[in-house]
């Protein structure tokens, strides 16, 4: 049996995180981001470096006692380390340096996870204390209201008792003092219930009322309302126009310094400064689970507002895509751009034999196409064991590398190299290979001679300056941008890395001094009946049109929204869908 006075129901103890659940759910709702899908053609070491930055930010927020910020940043690090990073093809690479980075990241993820659990415990304690404080505040407020009610009742009783005693004393007087008795009672009541100022005004004697007919006449002949008066001048209010304007300007500056923006001022789009370490957004969940104010990730000191740069109007990426498609169609109709159908595509023979599996082999196919275009005989002599020996007539034509040679590269020459490089790097059968790893192998095997290398360029593919740099390098075969008639007569090739795919670009000098530019894509295209394509541009203008159309058409809906909302940031280019990189080679 229970002890006397004990309850049959024990007080339930809240599980971990229950007390602060509303607070944490609100933080996640306003700050949580889905795990990022990493680009396999970007070295995983860069992503490990980004994770280390987030880890340091987590430690800093812990040291500052900012639990809300530490909780969100810690979750971002944990999701990035346990979901995003394992999705990279190089995550399980046997490379000793990558193994060291992976083990360090896994250890850091465990430490952060433990830290998040401790943060939740502290949040639970804070929320329970906050709830208890709220209960105590309500209790004290109720006590004060009850005490005030008792005091009021006691005062009323005293006043009523005083009135009763006055009435009893007056009743003992003679009958001749009846009128005085009535007046004394009224005086006592007035003392008990003092009249308000408004009542006194109402009690002021007024002129005697006229009869009903006269009142109606007066109501019909009311004077018209006075005309509206203009607002008083600034000088009449005790100030000057300059001081008023200064006051208004200071008010706007005060709004800006507090993070607000006047309604009439155009707000610029958000600047994408850091994928992980952006400013947290706090919100209130109401009642006892109301969030404590979270500190900003930036400094709490009020910075001096810099001069606002002049920003050109941003054109939505969807509008750019439509314009590029129209320009492409115009070039096709004028026969300045021509789509050529090849006889195969990467991965076509994967089901028949793994020996000829070129799936996800664009990082090998593209530089092989460039090397064969620039120096065909050297390529075949460099690797007699791996590369087939086609007849000389099938290698080149008057338009550079032949279509037959491209088909052989995709189906037969690339698969053996893919197998060797993936095995060397410890990658899976269909893993994408980082272009720099392929180049290292091709240079070591003398398939791509180092003396043929011109240079590398990259950046924002939607930036006309970056795109022009690529076009100039391919056109002139020089990294410095200088023009030379002798160089323009030489063949040039480039491997363009963009959106986890690699295509080949070759310049074909013609006898009349003009040039063709071909973009060779090993992926199947519906424009040429589901095969790989070779798109020929017959001048520089059509070549630039093709590049704009090809690159802009690769963006998904979410990537378009991202581009419209964020400016380009060189420091975060590895996380930006606009980033590209191109390696260029020439004949000499």
Protein backbone atom coordinates (compact mmCIF):
# COMPACT_ATOMS: atom_id res chain seq x y z
CA UNK A 1 0.00 0.00 0.00
CA UNK A 2 1.03 3.57 -0.57
CA UNK A 3 2.22 5.65 2.31
CA UNK A 4 -0.28 8.12 3.79
CA UNK A 5 -0.53 11.25 1.66
CA UNK A 6 1.33 9.74 -1.28
CA UNK A 7 -0.09 9.86 -4.81
CA UNK A 8 -0.72 6.80 -6.97
CA UNK A 9 0.56 8.70 -10.03
CA UNK A 10 4.25 9.49 -10.16
CA UNK A 11 5.28 12.73 -11.84
CA UNK A 12 6.40 11.80 -15.37
CA UNK A 13 9.96 12.83 -16.23
CA UNK A 14 10.46 14.44 -19.62
CA UNK A 15 12.77 12.64 -22.03
CA UNK A 16 15.85 14.32 -23.51
CA UNK A 17 14.87 17.19 -25.76
CA UNK A 18 11.17 17.21 -24.82
CA UNK A 19 11.29 20.48 -22.86
CA UNK A 20 13.12 22.37 -25.64
CA UNK A 21 11.44 20.67 -28.60
CA UNK A 22 9.41 23.71 -29.68
CA UNK A 23 12.47 25.93 -29.48
CA UNK A 24 14.61 23.59 -31.58
CA UNK A 25 11.85 22.92 -34.12
CA UNK A 26 11.50 26.66 -34.69
CA UNK A 27 15.25 27.01 -35.16
CA UNK A 28 15.30 24.17 -37.69
CA UNK A 29 12.28 25.54 -39.53
CA UNK A 30 13.93 28.90 -40.14
CA UNK A 31 17.58 27.82 -40.54
CA UNK A 32 17.79 24.14 -41.55
CA UNK A 33 19.17 23.37 -45.01
CA UNK A 34 18.94 20.14 -46.94
CA UNK A 35 22.18 18.16 -47.29
CA UNK A 36 24.23 19.42 -50.22
CA UNK A 37 24.89 17.23 -53.24
CA UNK A 38 28.61 17.51 -53.92
CA UNK A 39 30.16 17.77 -57.36
CA UNK A 40 32.29 14.71 -58.03
CA UNK A 41 34.54 16.62 -60.42
CA UNK A 42 35.52 18.94 -57.56
CA UNK A 43 38.33 17.55 -55.34
CA UNK A 44 36.91 16.21 -52.09
CA UNK A 45 39.79 17.84 -50.21
CA UNK A 46 38.09 21.22 -50.81
CA UNK A 47 34.92 19.94 -49.17
CA UNK A 48 36.90 18.68 -46.17
CA UNK A 49 38.39 22.18 -45.88
CA UNK A 50 34.89 23.70 -45.93
CA UNK A 51 33.82 21.30 -43.18
CA UNK A 52 36.74 22.43 -41.03
CA UNK A 53 35.56 26.04 -41.35
CA UNK A 54 32.11 25.04 -40.10
CA UNK A 55 33.69 23.12 -37.22
CA UNK A 56 35.62 26.19 -36.07
CA UNK A 57 32.44 28.26 -36.22
CA UNK A 58 30.67 25.66 -34.06
CA UNK A 59 33.45 25.85 -31.48
CA UNK A 60 33.29 29.65 -31.44
CA UNK A 61 29.55 29.70 -30.77
CA UNK A 62 30.01 27.21 -27.94
CA UNK A 63 32.69 29.42 -26.41
CA UNK A 64 30.37 32.45 -26.70
CA UNK A 65 27.49 30.56 -25.09
CA UNK A 66 25.26 31.10 -28.11
CA UNK A 67 23.38 27.80 -27.95
CA UNK A 68 20.91 28.53 -30.76
CA UNK A 69 23.64 29.31 -33.28
CA UNK A 70 25.81 26.43 -32.08
CA UNK A 71 22.89 24.00 -32.41
CA UNK A 72 22.16 24.97 -36.04
CA UNK A 73 25.81 25.11 -37.15
CA UNK A 74 26.49 21.79 -35.40
CA UNK A 75 23.61 20.13 -37.24
CA UNK A 76 24.84 21.50 -40.56
CA UNK A 77 28.29 20.08 -39.92
CA UNK A 78 26.88 16.71 -38.89
CA UNK A 79 24.61 16.45 -41.96
CA UNK A 80 27.40 17.55 -44.28
CA UNK A 81 29.83 15.02 -42.79
CA UNK A 82 27.45 12.05 -42.63
CA UNK A 83 25.28 12.60 -45.73
CA UNK A 84 27.00 14.88 -48.25
CA UNK A 85 30.63 13.79 -48.00
CA UNK A 86 29.96 10.01 -48.25
CA UNK A 87 28.17 10.70 -51.54
CA UNK A 88 31.39 11.86 -53.20
CA UNK A 89 33.03 9.24 -55.43
CA UNK A 90 36.42 9.86 -53.76
CA UNK A 91 35.15 9.36 -50.21
CA UNK A 92 36.49 5.79 -49.99
CA UNK A 93 39.65 6.48 -51.99
CA UNK A 94 42.76 4.62 -50.73
CA UNK A 95 44.84 7.75 -51.16
CA UNK A 96 46.68 8.21 -47.81
CA UNK A 97 45.97 11.93 -47.68
CA UNK A 98 42.26 11.42 -48.32
CA UNK A 99 42.13 8.61 -45.74
CA UNK A 100 43.63 10.96 -43.15
CA UNK A 101 41.08 13.67 -44.00
CA UNK A 102 38.21 11.19 -43.87
CA UNK A 103 39.19 9.80 -40.46
CA UNK A 104 39.63 13.30 -39.05
CA UNK A 105 36.20 14.32 -40.34
CA UNK A 106 34.56 11.23 -38.88
CA UNK A 107 36.15 11.92 -35.50
CA UNK A 108 35.05 15.55 -35.65
CA UNK A 109 31.50 14.47 -36.54
CA UNK A 110 31.34 12.26 -33.44
CA UNK A 111 32.59 15.10 -31.26
CA UNK A 112 30.05 17.54 -32.72
CA UNK A 113 27.21 15.03 -32.29
CA UNK A 114 28.10 14.65 -28.61
CA UNK A 115 28.24 18.43 -28.31
CA UNK A 116 24.76 18.77 -29.83
CA UNK A 117 23.36 16.32 -27.25
CA UNK A 118 24.85 18.42 -24.46
CA UNK A 119 23.42 21.57 -26.02
CA UNK A 120 19.97 19.95 -26.01
CA UNK A 121 20.34 19.14 -22.31
CA UNK A 122 21.21 22.74 -21.51
CA UNK A 123 18.32 23.96 -23.66
CA UNK A 124 15.97 21.65 -21.73
CA UNK A 125 17.20 23.12 -18.46
CA UNK A 126 16.78 26.68 -19.74
CA UNK A 127 13.24 26.02 -20.96
CA UNK A 128 12.23 24.36 -17.65
CA UNK A 129 13.66 27.31 -15.72
CA UNK A 130 11.86 29.70 -18.04
CA UNK A 131 8.58 27.83 -17.54
CA UNK A 132 9.04 27.78 -13.77
CA UNK A 133 9.78 31.50 -13.78
CA UNK A 134 6.62 32.13 -15.77
CA UNK A 135 4.54 30.09 -13.34
CA UNK A 136 6.04 32.02 -10.41
CA UNK A 137 5.33 35.34 -12.14
CA UNK A 138 1.70 34.40 -12.67
CA UNK A 139 1.39 33.29 -9.03
CA UNK A 140 2.80 36.57 -7.71
CA UNK A 141 0.58 38.59 -10.02
CA UNK A 142 -2.48 36.71 -8.79
CA UNK A 143 -1.47 37.33 -5.16
CA UNK A 144 -1.08 41.05 -5.84
CA UNK A 145 -4.52 41.20 -7.47
CA UNK A 146 -6.13 39.37 -4.54
CA UNK A 147 -4.41 41.65 -2.04
CA UNK A 148 -5.56 44.73 -3.90
CA UNK A 149 -9.12 43.38 -3.95
CA UNK A 150 -9.08 42.83 -0.16
CA UNK A 151 -7.75 46.32 0.47
CA UNK A 152 -10.48 47.83 -1.71
CA UNK A 153 -13.19 45.85 0.11
CA UNK A 154 -11.86 47.00 3.50
CA UNK A 155 -11.91 50.63 2.41
CA UNK A 156 -15.47 50.28 1.17
CA UNK A 157 -16.57 48.76 4.46
CA UNK A 158 -14.97 51.63 6.37
CA UNK A 159 -16.73 54.21 4.20
CA UNK A 160 -20.08 52.49 4.54
CA UNK A 161 -19.64 52.30 8.30
CA UNK A 162 -18.86 56.01 8.39
CA UNK A 163 -21.99 56.82 6.39
CA UNK A 164 -24.12 54.62 8.67
CA UNK A 165 -22.89 56.42 11.81
CA UNK A 166 -23.59 59.85 10.21
CA UNK A 167 -27.10 58.80 9.30
CA UNK A 168 -27.80 57.56 12.85
CA UNK A 169 -26.67 60.85 14.41
CA UNK A 170 -28.80 62.92 12.05
CA UNK A 171 -31.92 60.84 12.74
CA UNK A 172 -31.85 61.95 16.45
CA UNK A 173 -32.47 65.61 15.60
CA UNK A 174 -35.88 67.33 15.78
CA UNK A 175 -38.50 67.09 13.08
CA UNK A 176 -38.02 70.79 12.26
CA UNK A 177 -34.65 69.98 10.79
CA UNK A 178 -35.99 67.72 8.03
CA UNK A 179 -34.52 69.77 5.20
CA UNK A 180 -31.14 69.93 6.94
CA UNK A 181 -31.30 66.19 7.50
CA UNK A 182 -31.74 65.62 3.73
CA UNK A 183 -28.89 67.95 2.85
CA UNK A 184 -26.56 66.28 5.34
CA UNK A 185 -27.34 62.91 3.82
CA UNK A 186 -26.54 64.20 0.33
CA UNK A 187 -23.30 65.71 1.58
CA UNK A 188 -22.34 62.38 3.15
CA UNK A 189 -23.04 60.54 -0.10
CA UNK A 190 -21.03 63.09 -2.08
CA UNK A 191 -18.13 62.63 0.29
CA UNK A 192 -18.38 58.88 -0.15
CA UNK A 193 -18.58 59.03 -3.96
CA UNK A 194 -16.70 62.15 -5.16
CA UNK A 195 -17.87 63.66 -8.42
CA UNK A 196 -15.63 63.54 -11.50
CA UNK A 197 -14.60 66.63 -13.41
CA UNK A 198 -16.88 65.68 -16.31
CA UNK A 199 -19.84 65.42 -13.92
CA UNK A 200 -19.12 68.91 -12.63
CA UNK A 201 -19.18 70.24 -16.15
CA UNK A 202 -22.49 68.55 -16.79
CA UNK A 203 -23.83 70.07 -13.60
CA UNK A 204 -23.09 73.64 -14.81
CA UNK A 205 -26.34 75.56 -15.15
CA UNK A 206 -27.47 76.12 -18.71
CA UNK A 207 -29.78 78.58 -20.29
CA UNK A 208 -33.43 77.78 -19.90
CA UNK A 209 -34.84 75.62 -22.63
CA UNK A 210 -37.18 77.10 -25.20
CA UNK A 211 -40.23 75.37 -26.48
CA UNK A 212 -40.18 72.52 -28.96
CA UNK A 213 -40.87 74.72 -31.99
CA UNK A 214 -37.95 77.06 -31.32
CA UNK A 215 -35.55 74.11 -30.92
CA UNK A 216 -36.51 72.77 -34.33
CA UNK A 217 -35.88 76.16 -35.92
CA UNK A 218 -32.46 76.46 -34.38
CA UNK A 219 -31.48 72.96 -35.55
CA UNK A 220 -32.50 73.81 -39.09
CA UNK A 221 -30.40 77.01 -39.13
CA UNK A 222 -27.04 75.62 -37.93
CA UNK A 223 -24.07 77.57 -39.30
CA UNK A 224 -21.89 75.77 -41.95
CA UNK A 225 -18.69 74.02 -40.95
CA UNK A 226 -15.52 76.13 -41.16
CA UNK A 227 -13.23 75.46 -44.18
CA UNK A 228 -10.36 72.99 -43.66
CA UNK A 229 -7.23 74.62 -42.38
CA UNK A 230 -3.81 74.07 -43.94
CA UNK A 231 -1.23 72.25 -41.82
CA UNK A 232 0.99 74.56 -39.77
CA UNK A 233 4.30 75.58 -41.26
CA UNK A 234 7.47 74.06 -39.94
CA UNK A 235 8.51 77.42 -38.53
CA UNK A 236 5.25 77.61 -36.57
CA UNK A 237 6.13 74.32 -34.89
CA UNK A 238 9.32 75.79 -33.53
CA UNK A 239 11.80 74.39 -36.04
CA UNK A 240 13.25 75.02 -39.46
CA UNK A 241 12.90 72.99 -42.66
CA UNK A 242 16.56 72.02 -42.59
CA UNK A 243 16.29 70.66 -39.05
CA UNK A 244 13.17 68.68 -39.99
CA UNK A 245 14.91 67.15 -42.97
CA UNK A 246 17.90 66.35 -40.81
CA UNK A 247 15.60 64.68 -38.30
CA UNK A 248 14.01 62.59 -41.07
CA UNK A 249 17.41 61.63 -42.47
CA UNK A 250 18.70 60.63 -39.05
CA UNK A 251 15.57 58.51 -38.55
CA UNK A 252 16.25 56.66 -41.81
CA UNK A 253 19.90 56.19 -40.84
CA UNK A 254 18.76 54.85 -37.48
CA UNK A 255 16.49 52.35 -39.24
CA UNK A 256 19.37 51.20 -41.42
CA UNK A 257 21.73 50.88 -38.45
CA UNK A 258 19.13 48.68 -36.76
CA UNK A 259 18.90 46.39 -39.76
CA UNK A 260 15.67 47.83 -41.19
CA UNK A 261 15.14 49.26 -44.66
CA UNK A 262 12.77 52.10 -45.56
CA UNK A 263 9.83 50.90 -47.63
CA UNK A 264 10.68 53.19 -50.51
CA UNK A 265 14.23 51.91 -50.86
CA UNK A 266 14.88 48.98 -53.22
CA UNK A 267 16.22 45.94 -51.41
CA UNK A 268 19.09 44.16 -53.20
CA UNK A 269 18.93 40.40 -53.63
CA UNK A 270 20.66 38.30 -50.97
CA UNK A 271 24.40 37.91 -51.41
CA UNK A 272 25.62 34.35 -51.19
CA UNK A 273 28.65 34.70 -48.96
CA UNK A 274 28.89 31.27 -47.40
CA UNK A 275 26.93 28.09 -47.83
CA UNK A 276 27.15 27.20 -44.13
CA UNK A 277 27.93 30.32 -42.14
CA UNK A 278 25.12 32.66 -43.18
CA UNK A 279 23.22 34.74 -40.62
CA UNK A 280 20.73 32.78 -38.57
CA UNK A 281 17.06 33.74 -38.62
CA UNK A 282 15.36 33.59 -35.22
CA UNK A 283 11.66 33.36 -34.53
CA UNK A 284 9.28 33.05 -31.60
CA UNK A 285 7.24 29.95 -30.89
CA UNK A 286 5.10 31.68 -28.24
CA UNK A 287 4.08 30.96 -24.63
CA UNK A 288 6.49 29.05 -22.43
CA UNK A 289 8.44 27.69 -25.38
CA UNK A 290 9.32 31.13 -26.69
CA UNK A 291 12.78 31.24 -28.20
CA UNK A 292 15.50 33.22 -26.56
CA UNK A 293 17.00 35.75 -28.90
CA UNK A 294 19.82 34.21 -30.91
CA UNK A 295 22.96 36.22 -31.49
CA UNK A 296 23.90 37.00 -35.07
CA UNK A 297 26.85 35.15 -36.57
CA UNK A 298 28.34 38.49 -37.41
CA UNK A 299 29.72 41.00 -34.92
CA UNK A 300 27.24 42.64 -32.57
CA UNK A 301 28.85 46.03 -33.06
CA UNK A 302 27.00 48.34 -35.44
CA UNK A 303 29.16 48.62 -38.58
CA UNK A 304 29.52 51.77 -40.58
CA UNK A 305 27.37 51.39 -43.69
CA UNK A 306 29.64 51.34 -46.76
CA UNK A 307 28.84 53.26 -49.89
CA UNK A 308 26.25 51.34 -51.87
CA UNK A 309 27.67 50.28 -55.26
CA UNK A 310 25.69 50.84 -58.42
CA UNK A 311 24.18 47.49 -59.34
CA UNK A 312 23.04 46.60 -62.81
CA UNK A 313 19.53 45.14 -63.13
CA UNK A 314 19.61 41.36 -62.76
CA UNK A 315 18.17 39.42 -65.69
CA UNK A 316 16.38 36.21 -64.59
CA UNK A 317 18.21 33.11 -65.75
CA UNK A 318 15.04 31.74 -67.36
CA UNK A 319 14.89 34.80 -69.59
CA UNK A 320 18.53 34.26 -70.54
CA UNK A 321 17.78 30.63 -71.42
CA UNK A 322 14.93 31.66 -73.69
CA UNK A 323 17.08 34.27 -75.41
CA UNK A 324 19.94 31.80 -75.92
CA UNK A 325 17.56 29.22 -77.40
CA UNK A 326 16.19 31.77 -79.85
CA UNK A 327 19.69 32.83 -80.88
CA UNK A 328 20.72 29.20 -81.36
CA UNK A 329 17.70 28.52 -83.55
CA UNK A 330 18.52 31.58 -85.62
CA UNK A 331 22.09 30.32 -86.17
CA UNK A 332 20.80 26.88 -87.13
CA UNK A 333 18.41 28.37 -89.69
CA UNK A 334 21.23 30.46 -91.16
CA UNK A 335 23.42 27.33 -91.24
CA UNK A 336 26.06 28.92 -89.01
CA UNK A 337 25.60 26.07 -86.50
CA UNK A 338 25.27 22.44 -87.53
CA UNK A 339 24.52 19.40 -85.34
CA UNK A 340 26.31 16.25 -86.52
CA UNK A 341 25.27 12.78 -85.35
CA UNK A 342 28.01 10.42 -84.19
CA UNK A 343 27.76 6.62 -84.23
CA UNK A 344 27.82 5.90 -80.48
CA UNK A 345 27.69 7.42 -76.98
CA UNK A 346 29.43 6.80 -73.68
CA UNK A 347 28.32 3.60 -71.94
CA UNK A 348 26.59 2.14 -75.01
CA UNK A 349 28.57 -1.13 -74.82
CA UNK A 350 28.47 -1.45 -71.00
CA UNK A 351 25.87 -4.24 -71.05
CA UNK A 352 27.77 -6.34 -73.58
CA UNK A 353 31.20 -6.25 -71.95
CA UNK A 354 32.85 -4.42 -69.06
CA UNK A 355 35.96 -4.23 -71.22
CA UNK A 356 34.26 -1.61 -73.37
CA UNK A 357 32.32 0.18 -70.64
CA UNK A 358 32.82 3.94 -70.98
CA UNK A 359 30.06 4.98 -68.58
CA UNK A 360 30.88 8.28 -66.82
CA UNK A 361 34.12 8.33 -68.78
CA UNK A 362 33.85 11.90 -70.09
CA UNK A 363 36.93 12.98 -68.10
CA UNK A 364 39.00 10.55 -70.21
CA UNK A 365 37.09 10.77 -73.50
CA UNK A 366 37.36 14.55 -73.77
CA UNK A 367 41.17 14.96 -73.41
CA UNK A 368 41.69 11.94 -75.71
CA UNK A 369 39.61 13.66 -78.39
CA UNK A 370 41.65 16.85 -77.94
CA UNK A 371 44.98 14.97 -78.03
CA UNK A 372 43.99 13.02 -81.14
CA UNK A 373 42.87 16.21 -82.87
CA UNK A 374 46.11 18.07 -82.12
CA UNK A 375 48.72 15.31 -82.50
CA UNK A 376 47.07 12.10 -83.72
CA UNK A 377 50.13 9.96 -84.53
CA UNK A 378 51.81 10.74 -81.20
CA UNK A 379 48.76 9.55 -79.25
CA UNK A 380 48.79 6.11 -80.82
CA UNK A 381 52.53 5.67 -80.40
CA UNK A 382 52.39 6.61 -76.71
CA UNK A 383 50.26 3.65 -75.58
CA UNK A 384 50.50 0.77 -78.05
CA UNK A 385 49.23 -1.72 -75.47
CA UNK A 386 46.08 0.18 -74.54
CA UNK A 387 45.23 2.07 -77.71
CA UNK A 388 44.12 0.46 -80.94
CA UNK A 389 45.96 1.28 -84.13
CA UNK A 390 43.45 2.56 -86.68
CA UNK A 391 44.29 3.26 -90.27
CA UNK A 392 45.74 6.73 -90.80
CA UNK A 393 42.85 7.75 -93.04
CA UNK A 394 40.35 7.20 -90.22
CA UNK A 395 42.13 9.43 -87.70
CA UNK A 396 41.86 12.86 -89.29
CA UNK A 397 40.07 14.67 -92.06
CA UNK A 398 40.19 18.18 -93.44
CA UNK A 399 38.06 19.12 -90.42
CA UNK A 400 40.44 17.76 -87.82
CA UNK A 401 39.69 14.56 -85.95
CA UNK A 402 37.28 12.32 -87.85
CA UNK A 403 33.93 11.09 -86.60
CA UNK A 404 35.19 7.51 -86.84
CA UNK A 405 38.10 8.33 -84.54
CA UNK A 406 35.72 9.90 -81.99
CA UNK A 407 33.53 6.76 -82.04
CA UNK A 408 36.61 4.58 -81.42
CA UNK A 409 37.71 6.76 -78.51
CA UNK A 410 34.30 6.44 -76.84
CA UNK A 411 33.84 2.69 -77.38
CA UNK A 412 37.36 1.24 -77.38
CA UNK A 413 40.19 3.59 -76.46
CA UNK A 414 38.75 5.27 -73.35
CA UNK A 415 37.51 2.15 -71.42
CA UNK A 416 40.99 0.62 -70.80
CA UNK A 417 42.34 3.94 -69.51
CA UNK A 418 39.24 4.42 -67.35
CA UNK A 419 39.79 1.02 -65.77
CA UNK A 420 43.46 1.70 -65.05
CA UNK A 421 42.88 5.16 -63.53
CA UNK A 422 39.92 4.06 -61.39
CA UNK A 423 41.85 1.08 -60.08
CA UNK A 424 44.82 3.28 -59.28
CA UNK A 425 42.60 5.74 -57.38
CA UNK A 426 40.52 3.04 -55.67
CA UNK A 427 37.28 4.19 -57.29
CA UNK A 428 34.21 2.18 -58.19
CA UNK A 429 33.49 0.99 -61.73
CA UNK A 430 31.28 3.92 -62.74
CA UNK A 431 32.76 6.64 -60.53
CA UNK A 432 33.42 10.04 -62.03
CA UNK A 433 37.11 10.92 -62.13
CA UNK A 434 38.43 14.35 -61.25
CA UNK A 435 39.93 15.82 -64.45
CA UNK A 436 43.26 16.69 -62.81
CA UNK A 437 43.77 13.00 -61.93
CA UNK A 438 43.14 12.03 -65.57
CA UNK A 439 45.53 14.70 -66.81
CA UNK A 440 48.26 13.51 -64.46
CA UNK A 441 47.93 10.01 -65.87
CA UNK A 442 47.83 11.15 -69.51
CA UNK A 443 50.88 13.37 -69.00
CA UNK A 444 52.77 10.58 -67.21
CA UNK A 445 52.00 8.21 -70.09
CA UNK A 446 53.00 10.92 -72.61
CA UNK A 447 49.58 10.82 -74.25
CA UNK A 448 49.17 14.55 -73.55
CA UNK A 449 52.63 16.14 -73.97
CA UNK A 450 53.25 18.85 -71.40
CA UNK A 451 54.79 21.16 -74.01
CA UNK A 452 51.43 21.28 -75.82
CA UNK A 453 49.65 22.73 -72.80
CA UNK A 454 48.51 26.35 -73.18
CA UNK A 455 46.83 27.07 -69.86
CA UNK A 456 43.70 26.86 -67.76
CA UNK A 457 40.83 29.31 -67.31
CA UNK A 458 37.61 29.23 -65.32
CA UNK A 459 35.11 31.09 -63.19
CA UNK A 460 31.49 32.08 -63.73
CA UNK A 461 30.25 30.69 -67.05
CA UNK A 462 27.45 33.29 -67.10
CA UNK A 463 29.96 36.14 -66.82
CA UNK A 464 30.79 37.51 -70.27
CA UNK A 465 34.33 38.37 -69.15
CA UNK A 466 35.08 34.78 -68.11
CA UNK A 467 33.46 33.38 -71.23
CA UNK A 468 35.47 35.75 -73.44
CA UNK A 469 38.69 34.60 -71.78
CA UNK A 470 37.91 31.00 -72.77
CA UNK A 471 37.02 31.96 -76.35
CA UNK A 472 40.18 34.07 -76.76
CA UNK A 473 42.39 31.28 -75.45
CA UNK A 474 40.89 28.77 -77.90
CA UNK A 475 40.97 31.22 -80.79
CA UNK A 476 44.55 32.44 -80.30
CA UNK A 477 46.10 29.36 -78.68
CA UNK A 478 47.72 31.59 -76.05
CA UNK A 479 47.08 32.28 -72.40
CA UNK A 480 48.14 35.92 -72.52
CA UNK A 481 45.40 36.84 -74.99
CA UNK A 482 47.82 38.21 -77.60
CA UNK A 483 46.83 37.65 -81.22
CA UNK A 484 49.09 36.00 -83.75
CA UNK A 485 48.31 35.09 -87.35
CA UNK A 486 50.69 32.13 -87.26
CA UNK A 487 49.09 30.73 -84.10
CA UNK A 488 45.60 31.11 -85.53
CA UNK A 489 46.53 28.65 -88.25
CA UNK A 490 47.30 25.96 -85.68
CA UNK A 491 44.84 23.44 -84.26
CA UNK A 492 43.70 24.07 -80.68
CA UNK A 493 41.67 21.87 -78.33
CA UNK A 494 40.11 22.30 -74.89
CA UNK A 495 38.43 20.09 -72.30
CA UNK A 496 35.53 22.03 -70.73
CA UNK A 497 34.40 20.87 -67.27
CA UNK A 498 30.92 22.07 -66.34
CA UNK A 499 28.03 20.63 -64.28
CA UNK A 500 29.77 17.27 -63.60
CA UNK A 501 30.39 16.67 -67.28
CA UNK A 502 33.31 17.19 -69.66
CA UNK A 503 33.03 18.07 -73.34
CA UNK A 504 35.69 18.67 -76.00
CA UNK A 505 36.11 21.91 -77.95
CA UNK A 506 38.40 21.92 -80.99
CA UNK A 507 39.44 24.72 -83.31
CA UNK A 508 39.77 23.71 -86.97
CA UNK A 509 41.83 26.12 -89.11
CA UNK A 510 40.68 26.35 -92.75
CA UNK A 511 42.73 27.05 -95.83
CA UNK A 512 41.10 30.45 -96.35
CA UNK A 513 42.25 31.68 -92.93
CA UNK A 514 38.87 31.18 -91.23
CA UNK A 515 38.20 28.73 -88.38
CA UNK A 516 35.51 26.26 -87.41
CA UNK A 517 34.80 25.46 -83.77
CA UNK A 518 33.39 22.02 -82.88
CA UNK A 519 31.86 21.06 -79.52
CA UNK A 520 31.95 17.25 -79.07
CA UNK A 521 29.67 15.76 -76.40
CA UNK A 522 29.86 12.02 -75.64
CA UNK A 523 26.43 11.97 -73.96
CA UNK A 524 23.38 11.02 -76.07
CA UNK A 525 21.39 13.94 -77.45
CA UNK A 526 17.82 13.99 -78.70
CA UNK A 527 18.82 16.56 -81.31
CA UNK A 528 20.78 13.87 -83.17
CA UNK A 529 18.60 10.86 -82.49
CA UNK A 530 19.95 9.74 -79.11
CA UNK A 531 23.64 9.51 -80.05
CA UNK A 532 26.72 11.54 -79.16
CA UNK A 533 26.93 14.83 -81.01
CA UNK A 534 29.44 17.03 -82.79
CA UNK A 535 28.17 20.60 -83.08
CA UNK A 536 30.00 22.74 -85.63
CA UNK A 537 30.15 26.53 -85.46
CA UNK A 538 31.37 28.35 -88.56
CA UNK A 539 32.53 31.60 -86.96
CA UNK A 540 33.29 33.11 -83.59
CA UNK A 541 29.85 34.69 -83.13
CA UNK A 542 28.03 31.38 -83.63
CA UNK A 543 30.58 29.66 -81.35
CA UNK A 544 29.81 32.09 -78.53
CA UNK A 545 26.08 31.59 -79.15
CA UNK A 546 26.51 27.82 -78.83
CA UNK A 547 28.48 28.14 -75.59
CA UNK A 548 25.82 30.39 -74.02
CA UNK A 549 23.02 28.04 -75.03
CA UNK A 550 24.85 24.89 -73.94
CA UNK A 551 25.82 26.20 -70.51
CA UNK A 552 22.55 27.98 -69.67
CA UNK A 553 20.48 24.93 -70.65
CA UNK A 554 22.20 22.78 -68.02
CA UNK A 555 20.70 24.56 -65.00
CA UNK A 556 17.84 22.91 -63.13
CA UNK A 557 14.89 24.83 -61.67
CA UNK A 558 16.44 24.99 -58.20
CA UNK A 559 19.77 26.11 -59.66
CA UNK A 560 18.02 28.88 -61.60
CA UNK A 561 16.43 30.10 -58.38
CA UNK A 562 19.82 30.01 -56.68
CA UNK A 563 21.50 32.00 -59.48
CA UNK A 564 18.74 34.62 -59.46
CA UNK A 565 19.08 35.07 -55.70
CA UNK A 566 22.87 35.04 -55.27
CA UNK A 567 25.83 36.94 -56.66
CA UNK A 568 28.93 35.12 -57.79
CA UNK A 569 31.55 34.61 -55.05
CA UNK A 570 35.04 33.43 -56.00
CA UNK A 571 35.61 32.11 -52.50
CA UNK A 572 32.63 29.76 -52.74
CA UNK A 573 32.90 28.81 -56.42
CA UNK A 574 33.08 25.07 -55.67
CA UNK A 575 29.50 25.23 -54.38
CA UNK A 576 28.14 27.40 -57.21
CA UNK A 577 26.38 25.82 -60.23
CA UNK A 578 27.90 28.46 -62.55
CA UNK A 579 31.50 27.39 -62.00
CA UNK A 580 33.47 26.01 -64.96
CA UNK A 581 37.06 25.11 -65.74
CA UNK A 582 38.80 24.52 -69.05
CA UNK A 583 42.25 23.14 -69.98
CA UNK A 584 43.62 24.17 -73.38
CA UNK A 585 46.27 22.59 -75.63
CA UNK A 586 47.66 23.58 -79.04
CA UNK A 587 49.87 22.10 -81.74
CA UNK A 588 53.04 23.90 -80.69
